[in-house]
């Protein structure tokens, strides 16, 4: 789930994307200030647009909106008050966390890719990584599924050369950190970081 707001660019509208859908495979219905977007074939809801959102809440963001429990509760109230019988549920846990590379093996079908098992505190994720400097024993920044990178790219489940990958090990440049090195390679963290803690940038 991703939430977007840009008053100058698109007006006073909160855009909520639940699932990607092809442009020729969706329909919408409007009730009051709320538009439900759904797959025409299956009637599965893929998102909502809430117009005149500033009448309901104050949003400071200009781009991706950082969702919290209070805002999610308010959004669900707005949707219900408009007459839609749906409740949005989503994982609000941090999407950028400190991970620990427990294992790294060579990708069987790609010379420049590695398959890493990365402990992120509450689970171990398999992540295919192309960075030349990734190695076992490192603490790294992991963008989990659903994370929105500074570039606007959304992290999704992927399959790289036949191997499933759930997340991304990030470089300083991908995180848009100041003075990020230009050469290719992930950001390796110092030992003072705790595995599973949110990474702020």
N, C-alpha and C. Protein backbone atom coordinates (compact mmCIF):
# COMPACT_ATOMS: atom_id res chain seq x y z
N UNK A 1 0.85 -1.19 0.00
CA UNK A 1 0.00 0.00 0.00
C UNK A 1 0.88 1.24 0.00
N UNK A 2 0.57 2.19 -0.88
CA UNK A 2 1.31 3.45 -0.94
C UNK A 2 0.32 4.60 -0.97
N UNK A 3 0.68 5.66 -0.26
CA UNK A 3 -0.18 6.84 -0.16
C UNK A 3 0.61 8.05 -0.66
N UNK A 4 -0.04 8.86 -1.50
CA UNK A 4 0.65 9.97 -2.16
C UNK A 4 -0.20 11.23 -2.08
N UNK A 5 0.49 12.37 -1.86
CA UNK A 5 -0.20 13.66 -1.81
C UNK A 5 0.72 14.75 -2.35
N UNK A 6 0.24 15.50 -3.30
CA UNK A 6 1.01 16.62 -3.85
C UNK A 6 0.01 17.70 -4.25
N UNK A 7 -0.23 18.61 -3.33
CA UNK A 7 -1.30 19.61 -3.54
C UNK A 7 -1.03 20.48 -4.76
N UNK A 8 0.21 20.92 -4.93
CA UNK A 8 0.53 21.79 -6.06
C UNK A 8 0.47 21.03 -7.39
N UNK A 9 0.91 19.78 -7.37
CA UNK A 9 0.98 19.02 -8.61
C UNK A 9 -0.34 18.45 -9.09
N UNK A 10 -1.13 17.90 -8.15
CA UNK A 10 -2.38 17.23 -8.57
C UNK A 10 -3.62 17.71 -7.83
N UNK A 11 -3.45 18.67 -6.94
CA UNK A 11 -4.60 19.19 -6.22
C UNK A 11 -4.74 18.55 -4.85
N UNK A 12 -5.81 18.88 -4.17
CA UNK A 12 -6.03 18.48 -2.78
C UNK A 12 -6.63 17.06 -2.72
N UNK A 13 -5.89 16.10 -3.27
CA UNK A 13 -6.37 14.73 -3.39
C UNK A 13 -5.37 13.75 -2.79
N UNK A 14 -5.86 12.87 -1.92
CA UNK A 14 -5.02 11.80 -1.37
C UNK A 14 -5.18 10.57 -2.26
N UNK A 15 -4.07 10.08 -2.78
CA UNK A 15 -4.08 8.92 -3.68
C UNK A 15 -3.59 7.70 -2.91
N UNK A 16 -4.43 6.69 -2.83
CA UNK A 16 -4.10 5.46 -2.09
C UNK A 16 -4.04 4.31 -3.09
N UNK A 17 -2.87 3.72 -3.23
CA UNK A 17 -2.70 2.59 -4.14
C UNK A 17 -2.53 1.31 -3.33
N UNK A 18 -3.44 0.37 -3.52
CA UNK A 18 -3.38 -0.91 -2.81
C UNK A 18 -2.69 -1.97 -3.66
N UNK A 19 -2.94 -1.96 -4.96
CA UNK A 19 -2.34 -2.93 -5.88
C UNK A 19 -2.16 -2.29 -7.23
N UNK A 20 -1.10 -2.71 -7.93
CA UNK A 20 -0.91 -2.25 -9.30
C UNK A 20 -1.96 -2.89 -10.20
N UNK A 21 -2.39 -2.14 -11.19
CA UNK A 21 -3.36 -2.68 -12.13
C UNK A 21 -3.11 -2.06 -13.50
N UNK A 22 -3.26 -2.86 -14.54
CA UNK A 22 -3.07 -2.35 -15.89
C UNK A 22 -4.10 -1.26 -16.19
N UNK A 23 -3.68 -0.28 -16.96
CA UNK A 23 -4.55 0.88 -17.23
C UNK A 23 -5.85 0.50 -17.94
N UNK A 24 -5.79 -0.58 -18.71
CA UNK A 24 -6.99 -0.96 -19.45
C UNK A 24 -7.84 -1.98 -18.70
N UNK A 25 -7.52 -2.20 -17.42
CA UNK A 25 -8.22 -3.25 -16.66
C UNK A 25 -8.83 -2.70 -15.37
N UNK A 26 -9.17 -1.41 -15.36
CA UNK A 26 -9.76 -0.89 -14.13
C UNK A 26 -11.00 -0.06 -14.42
N UNK A 27 -11.82 0.06 -13.39
CA UNK A 27 -12.99 0.91 -13.43
C UNK A 27 -13.05 1.67 -12.11
N UNK A 28 -14.00 2.59 -11.99
CA UNK A 28 -14.09 3.33 -10.73
C UNK A 28 -15.53 3.71 -10.44
N UNK A 29 -15.79 3.91 -9.16
CA UNK A 29 -17.10 4.42 -8.73
C UNK A 29 -16.86 5.52 -7.70
N UNK A 30 -17.69 6.56 -7.76
CA UNK A 30 -17.51 7.72 -6.91
C UNK A 30 -18.70 7.88 -5.97
N UNK A 31 -18.40 8.09 -4.70
CA UNK A 31 -19.41 8.40 -3.71
C UNK A 31 -18.90 9.59 -2.89
N UNK A 32 -19.56 10.72 -3.03
CA UNK A 32 -19.10 11.92 -2.34
C UNK A 32 -17.71 12.30 -2.83
N UNK A 33 -16.80 12.48 -1.88
CA UNK A 33 -15.43 12.86 -2.21
C UNK A 33 -14.50 11.66 -2.41
N UNK A 34 -15.06 10.47 -2.38
CA UNK A 34 -14.22 9.26 -2.45
C UNK A 34 -14.47 8.51 -3.75
N UNK A 35 -13.38 8.16 -4.42
CA UNK A 35 -13.46 7.33 -5.62
C UNK A 35 -12.78 5.99 -5.32
N UNK A 36 -13.51 4.92 -5.55
CA UNK A 36 -12.95 3.56 -5.42
C UNK A 36 -12.50 3.10 -6.80
N UNK A 37 -11.26 2.64 -6.89
CA UNK A 37 -10.72 2.12 -8.15
C UNK A 37 -10.62 0.60 -8.01
N UNK A 38 -11.09 -0.12 -9.02
CA UNK A 38 -11.13 -1.57 -8.88
C UNK A 38 -10.92 -2.26 -10.23
N UNK A 39 -10.52 -3.53 -10.15
CA UNK A 39 -10.38 -4.34 -11.35
C UNK A 39 -11.76 -4.67 -11.88
N UNK A 40 -11.97 -4.40 -13.14
CA UNK A 40 -13.30 -4.59 -13.71
C UNK A 40 -13.70 -6.06 -13.73
N UNK A 41 -12.76 -6.94 -14.05
CA UNK A 41 -13.09 -8.37 -14.16
C UNK A 41 -13.43 -9.00 -12.82
N UNK A 42 -12.68 -8.64 -11.77
CA UNK A 42 -12.82 -9.33 -10.49
C UNK A 42 -13.50 -8.50 -9.40
N UNK A 43 -13.70 -7.20 -9.65
CA UNK A 43 -14.25 -6.28 -8.66
C UNK A 43 -13.32 -6.09 -7.46
N UNK A 44 -12.05 -6.46 -7.60
CA UNK A 44 -11.07 -6.30 -6.52
C UNK A 44 -10.63 -4.85 -6.43
N UNK A 45 -10.71 -4.28 -5.22
CA UNK A 45 -10.31 -2.88 -5.02
C UNK A 45 -8.80 -2.75 -5.15
N UNK A 46 -8.37 -1.79 -5.96
CA UNK A 46 -6.94 -1.55 -6.14
C UNK A 46 -6.49 -0.21 -5.58
N UNK A 47 -7.44 0.63 -5.20
CA UNK A 47 -7.06 1.91 -4.62
C UNK A 47 -8.25 2.82 -4.38
N UNK A 48 -7.95 3.95 -3.74
CA UNK A 48 -8.96 4.99 -3.50
C UNK A 48 -8.33 6.35 -3.77
N UNK A 49 -9.12 7.27 -4.25
CA UNK A 49 -8.75 8.69 -4.30
C UNK A 49 -9.73 9.43 -3.40
N UNK A 50 -9.18 10.25 -2.50
CA UNK A 50 -10.04 11.05 -1.62
C UNK A 50 -9.82 12.52 -1.98
N UNK A 51 -10.86 13.15 -2.56
CA UNK A 51 -10.77 14.55 -2.95
C UNK A 51 -11.03 15.47 -1.76
N UNK A 52 -10.52 16.69 -1.84
CA UNK A 52 -10.68 17.69 -0.77
C UNK A 52 -10.26 17.10 0.57
N UNK A 53 -9.13 16.41 0.58
CA UNK A 53 -8.68 15.71 1.79
C UNK A 53 -8.42 16.67 2.95
N UNK A 54 -8.06 17.94 2.65
CA UNK A 54 -7.77 18.89 3.72
C UNK A 54 -9.01 19.24 4.54
N UNK A 55 -10.20 18.88 4.02
CA UNK A 55 -11.42 19.06 4.83
C UNK A 55 -11.49 18.04 5.96
N UNK A 56 -10.72 16.96 5.84
CA UNK A 56 -10.78 15.87 6.82
C UNK A 56 -9.53 15.81 7.71
N UNK A 57 -8.37 16.15 7.13
CA UNK A 57 -7.13 16.05 7.89
C UNK A 57 -6.07 16.96 7.27
N UNK A 58 -5.05 17.27 8.06
CA UNK A 58 -3.94 18.08 7.58
C UNK A 58 -2.80 17.16 7.15
N UNK A 59 -2.33 17.34 5.93
CA UNK A 59 -1.21 16.53 5.43
C UNK A 59 -0.08 17.47 5.04
N UNK A 60 1.07 17.27 5.69
CA UNK A 60 2.23 18.12 5.42
C UNK A 60 3.06 17.60 4.24
N UNK A 61 2.89 16.34 3.89
CA UNK A 61 3.76 15.70 2.89
C UNK A 61 3.58 16.31 1.52
N UNK A 62 4.66 16.20 0.73
CA UNK A 62 4.62 16.61 -0.67
C UNK A 62 5.25 15.47 -1.47
N UNK A 63 4.46 14.44 -1.70
CA UNK A 63 4.97 13.21 -2.32
C UNK A 63 4.42 12.02 -1.54
N UNK A 64 5.30 11.08 -1.25
CA UNK A 64 4.89 9.90 -0.50
C UNK A 64 4.51 10.29 0.93
N UNK A 65 3.37 9.78 1.41
CA UNK A 65 2.88 10.08 2.75
C UNK A 65 3.26 8.94 3.69
N UNK A 66 3.88 9.28 4.82
CA UNK A 66 4.22 8.29 5.84
C UNK A 66 2.96 7.98 6.64
N UNK A 67 2.46 6.78 6.46
CA UNK A 67 1.19 6.40 7.08
C UNK A 67 1.41 5.95 8.53
N UNK A 68 0.47 6.29 9.42
CA UNK A 68 0.50 5.79 10.79
C UNK A 68 -0.89 5.28 11.15
N UNK A 69 -1.01 4.70 12.34
CA UNK A 69 -2.29 4.11 12.77
C UNK A 69 -3.42 5.13 12.78
N UNK A 70 -3.12 6.32 13.28
CA UNK A 70 -4.16 7.37 13.39
C UNK A 70 -4.67 7.76 12.00
N UNK A 71 -3.75 7.95 11.05
CA UNK A 71 -4.15 8.34 9.71
C UNK A 71 -4.92 7.23 9.01
N UNK A 72 -4.45 5.98 9.19
CA UNK A 72 -5.15 4.84 8.58
C UNK A 72 -6.58 4.74 9.12
N UNK A 73 -6.75 4.95 10.43
CA UNK A 73 -8.08 4.92 11.05
C UNK A 73 -8.97 6.01 10.45
N UNK A 74 -8.40 7.20 10.27
CA UNK A 74 -9.16 8.33 9.72
C UNK A 74 -9.56 8.06 8.26
N UNK A 75 -8.63 7.51 7.48
CA UNK A 75 -8.92 7.17 6.08
C UNK A 75 -10.07 6.17 6.00
N UNK A 76 -10.02 5.15 6.85
CA UNK A 76 -11.10 4.15 6.86
C UNK A 76 -12.43 4.77 7.24
N UNK A 77 -12.41 5.74 8.17
CA UNK A 77 -13.65 6.45 8.54
C UNK A 77 -14.21 7.22 7.36
N UNK A 78 -13.33 7.90 6.61
CA UNK A 78 -13.77 8.69 5.45
C UNK A 78 -14.40 7.78 4.40
N UNK A 79 -13.76 6.64 4.16
CA UNK A 79 -14.26 5.68 3.15
C UNK A 79 -15.63 5.15 3.55
N UNK A 80 -15.77 4.82 4.84
CA UNK A 80 -17.05 4.29 5.32
C UNK A 80 -18.15 5.35 5.29
N UNK A 81 -17.81 6.57 5.70
CA UNK A 81 -18.79 7.65 5.71
C UNK A 81 -19.28 7.98 4.30
N UNK A 82 -18.43 7.74 3.30
CA UNK A 82 -18.81 7.98 1.91
C UNK A 82 -19.77 6.91 1.40
N UNK A 83 -19.82 5.76 2.10
CA UNK A 83 -20.75 4.71 1.71
C UNK A 83 -20.12 3.44 1.18
N UNK A 84 -18.79 3.34 1.30
CA UNK A 84 -18.10 2.11 0.87
C UNK A 84 -17.94 1.17 2.07
N UNK A 85 -18.25 -0.08 1.86
CA UNK A 85 -18.17 -1.07 2.95
C UNK A 85 -16.83 -1.81 2.88
N UNK A 86 -15.75 -1.07 3.05
CA UNK A 86 -14.41 -1.67 3.00
C UNK A 86 -13.55 -1.09 4.10
N UNK A 87 -12.61 -1.91 4.56
CA UNK A 87 -11.62 -1.46 5.53
C UNK A 87 -10.24 -1.75 4.97
N UNK A 88 -9.41 -0.72 4.90
CA UNK A 88 -8.04 -0.89 4.43
C UNK A 88 -7.19 -1.42 5.57
N UNK A 89 -6.47 -2.48 5.30
CA UNK A 89 -5.52 -3.03 6.28
C UNK A 89 -4.14 -3.04 5.64
N UNK A 90 -3.14 -2.70 6.41
CA UNK A 90 -1.78 -2.69 5.86
C UNK A 90 -0.76 -2.87 6.96
N UNK A 91 0.42 -3.28 6.58
CA UNK A 91 1.54 -3.45 7.51
C UNK A 91 2.20 -2.10 7.70
N UNK A 92 2.14 -1.58 8.92
CA UNK A 92 2.70 -0.25 9.21
C UNK A 92 4.10 -0.33 9.84
N UNK A 93 4.68 -1.51 9.86
CA UNK A 93 6.04 -1.64 10.41
C UNK A 93 7.03 -0.89 9.51
N UNK A 94 8.18 -0.47 10.07
CA UNK A 94 9.16 0.29 9.27
C UNK A 94 9.59 -0.50 8.03
N UNK A 95 9.75 0.22 6.93
CA UNK A 95 10.11 -0.44 5.66
C UNK A 95 11.61 -0.36 5.38
N UNK A 96 12.32 0.51 6.09
CA UNK A 96 13.78 0.57 5.97
C UNK A 96 14.36 0.17 7.31
N UNK A 97 15.06 -0.95 7.35
CA UNK A 97 15.56 -1.48 8.61
C UNK A 97 17.02 -1.93 8.46
N UNK A 98 17.65 -2.13 9.61
CA UNK A 98 19.02 -2.67 9.63
C UNK A 98 18.96 -4.18 9.51
N UNK A 99 19.70 -4.72 8.57
CA UNK A 99 19.76 -6.16 8.38
C UNK A 99 21.17 -6.69 8.59
N UNK A 100 21.25 -8.00 8.79
CA UNK A 100 22.55 -8.65 8.97
C UNK A 100 22.66 -9.77 7.94
N UNK A 101 23.70 -9.72 7.11
CA UNK A 101 23.88 -10.72 6.06
C UNK A 101 24.43 -12.01 6.69
N UNK A 102 23.53 -12.99 6.84
CA UNK A 102 23.92 -14.26 7.47
C UNK A 102 24.65 -15.18 6.50
N UNK A 103 24.26 -15.07 5.24
CA UNK A 103 24.82 -15.99 4.25
C UNK A 103 24.82 -15.34 2.88
N UNK A 104 25.86 -15.61 2.12
CA UNK A 104 25.95 -15.10 0.74
C UNK A 104 26.48 -16.23 -0.14
N UNK A 105 25.72 -16.54 -1.18
CA UNK A 105 26.18 -17.55 -2.15
C UNK A 105 26.05 -16.97 -3.55
N UNK A 106 26.84 -17.50 -4.46
CA UNK A 106 26.83 -17.03 -5.84
C UNK A 106 25.52 -17.44 -6.51
N UNK A 107 24.97 -16.55 -7.29
CA UNK A 107 23.78 -16.87 -8.07
C UNK A 107 24.15 -17.88 -9.15
N UNK A 108 23.38 -18.97 -9.28
CA UNK A 108 23.74 -20.01 -10.25
C UNK A 108 23.62 -19.57 -11.71
N UNK A 109 22.85 -18.52 -11.97
CA UNK A 109 22.61 -18.13 -13.36
C UNK A 109 23.10 -16.73 -13.71
N UNK A 110 23.88 -16.11 -12.82
CA UNK A 110 24.36 -14.74 -13.09
C UNK A 110 25.66 -14.50 -12.34
N UNK A 111 26.71 -14.17 -13.09
CA UNK A 111 28.03 -13.99 -12.48
C UNK A 111 28.09 -12.83 -11.49
N UNK A 112 27.33 -11.77 -11.75
CA UNK A 112 27.45 -10.56 -10.92
C UNK A 112 26.40 -10.47 -9.83
N UNK A 113 25.61 -11.52 -9.64
CA UNK A 113 24.58 -11.50 -8.61
C UNK A 113 24.91 -12.47 -7.48
N UNK A 114 24.52 -12.10 -6.26
CA UNK A 114 24.67 -12.97 -5.09
C UNK A 114 23.30 -13.19 -4.46
N UNK A 115 23.12 -14.37 -3.86
CA UNK A 115 21.88 -14.66 -3.12
C UNK A 115 22.22 -14.55 -1.65
N UNK A 116 21.55 -13.61 -0.97
CA UNK A 116 21.86 -13.34 0.44
C UNK A 116 20.68 -13.72 1.33
N UNK A 117 21.00 -14.29 2.49
CA UNK A 117 20.01 -14.51 3.54
C UNK A 117 20.24 -13.41 4.58
N UNK A 118 19.26 -12.53 4.74
CA UNK A 118 19.46 -11.33 5.55
C UNK A 118 18.48 -11.31 6.73
N UNK A 119 19.04 -11.31 7.94
CA UNK A 119 18.24 -11.24 9.16
C UNK A 119 17.82 -9.79 9.38
N UNK A 120 16.50 -9.54 9.45
CA UNK A 120 16.01 -8.18 9.69
C UNK A 120 15.31 -8.07 11.05
N UNK A 121 15.63 -9.01 11.93
CA UNK A 121 15.11 -8.94 13.30
C UNK A 121 13.99 -9.91 13.57
N UNK A 122 12.91 -9.81 12.80
CA UNK A 122 11.76 -10.69 13.04
C UNK A 122 11.62 -11.76 11.96
N UNK A 123 12.50 -11.74 10.96
CA UNK A 123 12.48 -12.74 9.90
C UNK A 123 13.79 -12.69 9.13
N UNK A 124 14.03 -13.72 8.34
CA UNK A 124 15.19 -13.75 7.46
C UNK A 124 14.68 -13.66 6.03
N UNK A 125 15.17 -12.67 5.30
CA UNK A 125 14.73 -12.43 3.93
C UNK A 125 15.78 -12.93 2.94
N UNK A 126 15.32 -13.54 1.87
CA UNK A 126 16.22 -13.87 0.77
C UNK A 126 16.22 -12.71 -0.21
N UNK A 127 17.42 -12.13 -0.41
CA UNK A 127 17.54 -10.97 -1.29
C UNK A 127 18.66 -11.22 -2.29
N UNK A 128 18.32 -11.08 -3.56
CA UNK A 128 19.32 -11.17 -4.61
C UNK A 128 19.95 -9.78 -4.76
N UNK A 129 21.28 -9.73 -4.69
CA UNK A 129 21.99 -8.45 -4.66
C UNK A 129 23.09 -8.45 -5.72
N UNK A 130 23.22 -7.32 -6.41
CA UNK A 130 24.23 -7.19 -7.45
C UNK A 130 25.44 -6.37 -7.04
N UNK A 131 25.48 -5.93 -5.79
CA UNK A 131 26.60 -5.09 -5.34
C UNK A 131 27.88 -5.92 -5.23
N UNK A 132 29.01 -5.40 -5.70
CA UNK A 132 30.26 -6.16 -5.64
C UNK A 132 30.82 -6.30 -4.23
N UNK A 133 30.41 -5.42 -3.31
CA UNK A 133 31.00 -5.44 -1.97
C UNK A 133 30.14 -6.11 -0.91
N UNK A 134 29.01 -6.72 -1.29
CA UNK A 134 28.17 -7.38 -0.28
C UNK A 134 28.87 -8.64 0.21
N UNK A 135 28.77 -8.89 1.53
CA UNK A 135 29.47 -10.06 2.08
C UNK A 135 28.82 -10.51 3.38
N UNK A 136 29.08 -11.75 3.73
CA UNK A 136 28.59 -12.32 4.98
C UNK A 136 29.15 -11.52 6.16
N UNK A 137 28.30 -11.32 7.19
CA UNK A 137 28.74 -10.66 8.40
C UNK A 137 28.54 -9.16 8.41
N UNK A 138 28.02 -8.61 7.33
CA UNK A 138 27.81 -7.16 7.27
C UNK A 138 26.46 -6.76 7.85
N UNK A 139 26.44 -5.57 8.44
CA UNK A 139 25.17 -4.92 8.76
C UNK A 139 24.87 -3.94 7.63
N UNK A 140 23.65 -4.01 7.14
CA UNK A 140 23.29 -3.27 5.93
C UNK A 140 21.91 -2.63 6.09
N UNK A 141 21.56 -1.75 5.17
CA UNK A 141 20.22 -1.16 5.14
C UNK A 141 19.36 -1.97 4.17
N UNK A 142 18.23 -2.47 4.67
CA UNK A 142 17.32 -3.27 3.85
C UNK A 142 16.03 -2.49 3.61
N UNK A 143 15.68 -2.37 2.34
CA UNK A 143 14.36 -1.83 1.97
C UNK A 143 13.43 -3.02 1.82
N UNK A 144 12.45 -3.12 2.70
CA UNK A 144 11.53 -4.26 2.68
C UNK A 144 10.44 -4.06 1.62
N UNK A 145 9.69 -5.11 1.38
CA UNK A 145 8.59 -5.04 0.43
C UNK A 145 7.63 -3.92 0.84
N UNK A 146 7.28 -3.07 -0.12
CA UNK A 146 6.41 -1.93 0.17
C UNK A 146 7.15 -0.64 0.41
N UNK A 147 8.46 -0.71 0.58
CA UNK A 147 9.25 0.51 0.78
C UNK A 147 9.22 1.35 -0.49
N UNK A 148 9.20 2.66 -0.31
CA UNK A 148 9.27 3.58 -1.44
C UNK A 148 10.64 4.27 -1.39
N UNK A 149 11.44 4.03 -2.40
CA UNK A 149 12.78 4.62 -2.46
C UNK A 149 12.67 6.11 -2.76
N UNK A 150 13.72 6.89 -2.41
CA UNK A 150 13.70 8.33 -2.74
C UNK A 150 13.45 8.60 -4.22
N UNK A 151 13.81 7.68 -5.08
CA UNK A 151 13.57 7.84 -6.52
C UNK A 151 12.10 7.67 -6.90
N UNK A 152 11.29 7.14 -5.94
CA UNK A 152 9.89 6.86 -6.22
C UNK A 152 9.63 5.40 -6.53
N UNK A 153 10.70 4.61 -6.71
CA UNK A 153 10.54 3.18 -6.99
C UNK A 153 9.99 2.46 -5.77
N UNK A 154 9.00 1.59 -6.01
CA UNK A 154 8.40 0.81 -4.93
C UNK A 154 9.04 -0.59 -4.93
N UNK A 155 9.47 -1.04 -3.77
CA UNK A 155 10.10 -2.35 -3.65
C UNK A 155 9.03 -3.42 -3.62
N UNK A 156 9.16 -4.40 -4.52
CA UNK A 156 8.18 -5.48 -4.65
C UNK A 156 8.90 -6.83 -4.64
N UNK A 157 8.13 -7.87 -4.41
CA UNK A 157 8.66 -9.22 -4.60
C UNK A 157 9.11 -9.34 -6.04
N UNK A 158 10.26 -9.97 -6.24
CA UNK A 158 10.79 -10.10 -7.60
C UNK A 158 11.42 -11.47 -7.77
N UNK A 159 11.72 -11.79 -9.01
CA UNK A 159 12.46 -13.01 -9.32
C UNK A 159 13.57 -12.61 -10.28
N UNK A 160 14.82 -12.76 -9.85
CA UNK A 160 15.95 -12.34 -10.64
C UNK A 160 16.70 -13.56 -11.15
N UNK A 161 16.62 -13.75 -12.45
CA UNK A 161 17.24 -14.91 -13.10
C UNK A 161 16.80 -16.22 -12.45
N UNK A 162 15.50 -16.28 -12.12
CA UNK A 162 14.93 -17.52 -11.60
C UNK A 162 14.99 -17.69 -10.10
N UNK A 163 15.53 -16.70 -9.38
CA UNK A 163 15.65 -16.81 -7.92
C UNK A 163 14.78 -15.72 -7.26
N UNK A 164 13.86 -16.12 -6.36
CA UNK A 164 13.01 -15.14 -5.69
C UNK A 164 13.82 -14.18 -4.81
N UNK A 165 13.38 -12.93 -4.77
CA UNK A 165 14.06 -11.91 -3.96
C UNK A 165 13.01 -11.06 -3.26
N UNK A 166 13.16 -10.89 -1.95
CA UNK A 166 12.15 -10.17 -1.15
C UNK A 166 12.78 -8.98 -0.45
N UNK A 167 13.01 -7.92 -1.21
CA UNK A 167 13.60 -6.72 -0.63
C UNK A 167 14.83 -6.29 -1.39
N UNK A 168 15.49 -5.25 -0.87
CA UNK A 168 16.69 -4.74 -1.51
C UNK A 168 17.70 -4.30 -0.47
N UNK A 169 18.97 -4.67 -0.67
CA UNK A 169 20.06 -4.15 0.16
C UNK A 169 20.51 -2.85 -0.51
N UNK A 170 20.51 -1.76 0.25
CA UNK A 170 20.62 -0.43 -0.35
C UNK A 170 22.03 0.13 -0.33
N UNK A 171 22.30 0.95 -1.33
CA UNK A 171 23.52 1.75 -1.36
C UNK A 171 23.20 3.13 -0.79
N UNK A 172 24.24 3.87 -0.42
CA UNK A 172 24.03 5.24 0.08
C UNK A 172 23.42 6.11 -1.00
N UNK A 173 23.80 5.88 -2.25
CA UNK A 173 23.28 6.69 -3.35
C UNK A 173 21.79 6.40 -3.56
N UNK A 174 21.38 5.14 -3.45
CA UNK A 174 19.96 4.78 -3.61
C UNK A 174 19.10 5.39 -2.51
N UNK A 175 19.72 5.59 -1.33
CA UNK A 175 19.01 6.20 -0.21
C UNK A 175 19.08 7.73 -0.25
N UNK A 176 19.80 8.24 -1.27
CA UNK A 176 19.95 9.68 -1.45
C UNK A 176 20.61 10.33 -0.25
N UNK A 177 21.59 9.64 0.34
CA UNK A 177 22.30 10.18 1.50
C UNK A 177 23.31 11.23 1.03
N UNK A 178 23.55 12.26 1.84
CA UNK A 178 24.53 13.28 1.44
C UNK A 178 25.93 12.68 1.33
N UNK A 179 26.70 13.16 0.38
CA UNK A 179 28.09 12.70 0.15
C UNK A 179 28.17 11.21 -0.15
N UNK A 180 27.13 10.66 -0.76
CA UNK A 180 27.15 9.23 -1.10
C UNK A 180 28.21 8.97 -2.17
N UNK A 181 29.01 7.91 -2.01
CA UNK A 181 30.01 7.58 -3.03
C UNK A 181 29.34 7.21 -4.35
N UNK A 182 29.98 7.55 -5.44
CA UNK A 182 29.40 7.30 -6.76
C UNK A 182 29.69 5.89 -7.26
N UNK A 183 30.73 5.26 -6.72
CA UNK A 183 31.03 3.91 -7.18
C UNK A 183 29.96 2.93 -6.69
N UNK A 184 29.81 1.84 -7.43
CA UNK A 184 28.76 0.88 -7.13
C UNK A 184 29.09 0.13 -5.84
N UNK A 185 28.10 -0.05 -5.00
CA UNK A 185 28.31 -0.80 -3.76
C UNK A 185 27.30 -0.44 -2.70
N UNK A 186 26.96 -1.40 -1.87
CA UNK A 186 25.98 -1.16 -0.81
C UNK A 186 26.60 -0.37 0.33
N UNK A 187 25.74 0.21 1.14
CA UNK A 187 26.17 0.91 2.35
C UNK A 187 26.37 -0.13 3.46
N UNK A 188 27.59 -0.21 3.99
CA UNK A 188 27.88 -1.13 5.09
C UNK A 188 27.88 -0.33 6.39
N UNK A 189 27.07 -0.75 7.35
CA UNK A 189 26.89 -0.03 8.61
C UNK A 189 27.89 -0.49 9.66
N UNK A 190 28.11 0.36 10.63
CA UNK A 190 29.00 0.00 11.75
C UNK A 190 28.27 -0.92 12.73
N UNK A 191 29.03 -1.52 13.63
CA UNK A 191 28.47 -2.50 14.56
C UNK A 191 27.50 -1.89 15.58
N UNK A 192 27.52 -0.57 15.73
CA UNK A 192 26.66 0.05 16.74
C UNK A 192 25.17 -0.04 16.37
N UNK A 193 24.88 -0.31 15.11
CA UNK A 193 23.48 -0.46 14.69
C UNK A 193 22.95 -1.82 15.15
N UNK A 194 21.67 -1.83 15.54
CA UNK A 194 21.05 -3.08 15.98
C UNK A 194 20.21 -3.67 14.86
N UNK A 195 20.33 -4.98 14.69
CA UNK A 195 19.57 -5.67 13.65
C UNK A 195 18.07 -5.50 13.91
N UNK A 196 17.35 -5.10 12.90
CA UNK A 196 15.90 -4.92 13.01
C UNK A 196 15.46 -3.51 13.33
N UNK A 197 16.39 -2.64 13.78
CA UNK A 197 15.98 -1.28 14.11
C UNK A 197 15.67 -0.50 12.84
N UNK A 198 14.72 0.43 12.92
CA UNK A 198 14.43 1.25 11.74
C UNK A 198 15.65 2.08 11.35
N UNK A 199 15.85 2.25 10.07
CA UNK A 199 16.95 3.08 9.58
C UNK A 199 16.37 4.42 9.14
N UNK A 200 16.81 5.49 9.79
CA UNK A 200 16.33 6.84 9.49
C UNK A 200 17.29 7.52 8.52
N UNK A 201 16.73 8.15 7.50
CA UNK A 201 17.59 8.91 6.57
C UNK A 201 16.83 10.09 6.00
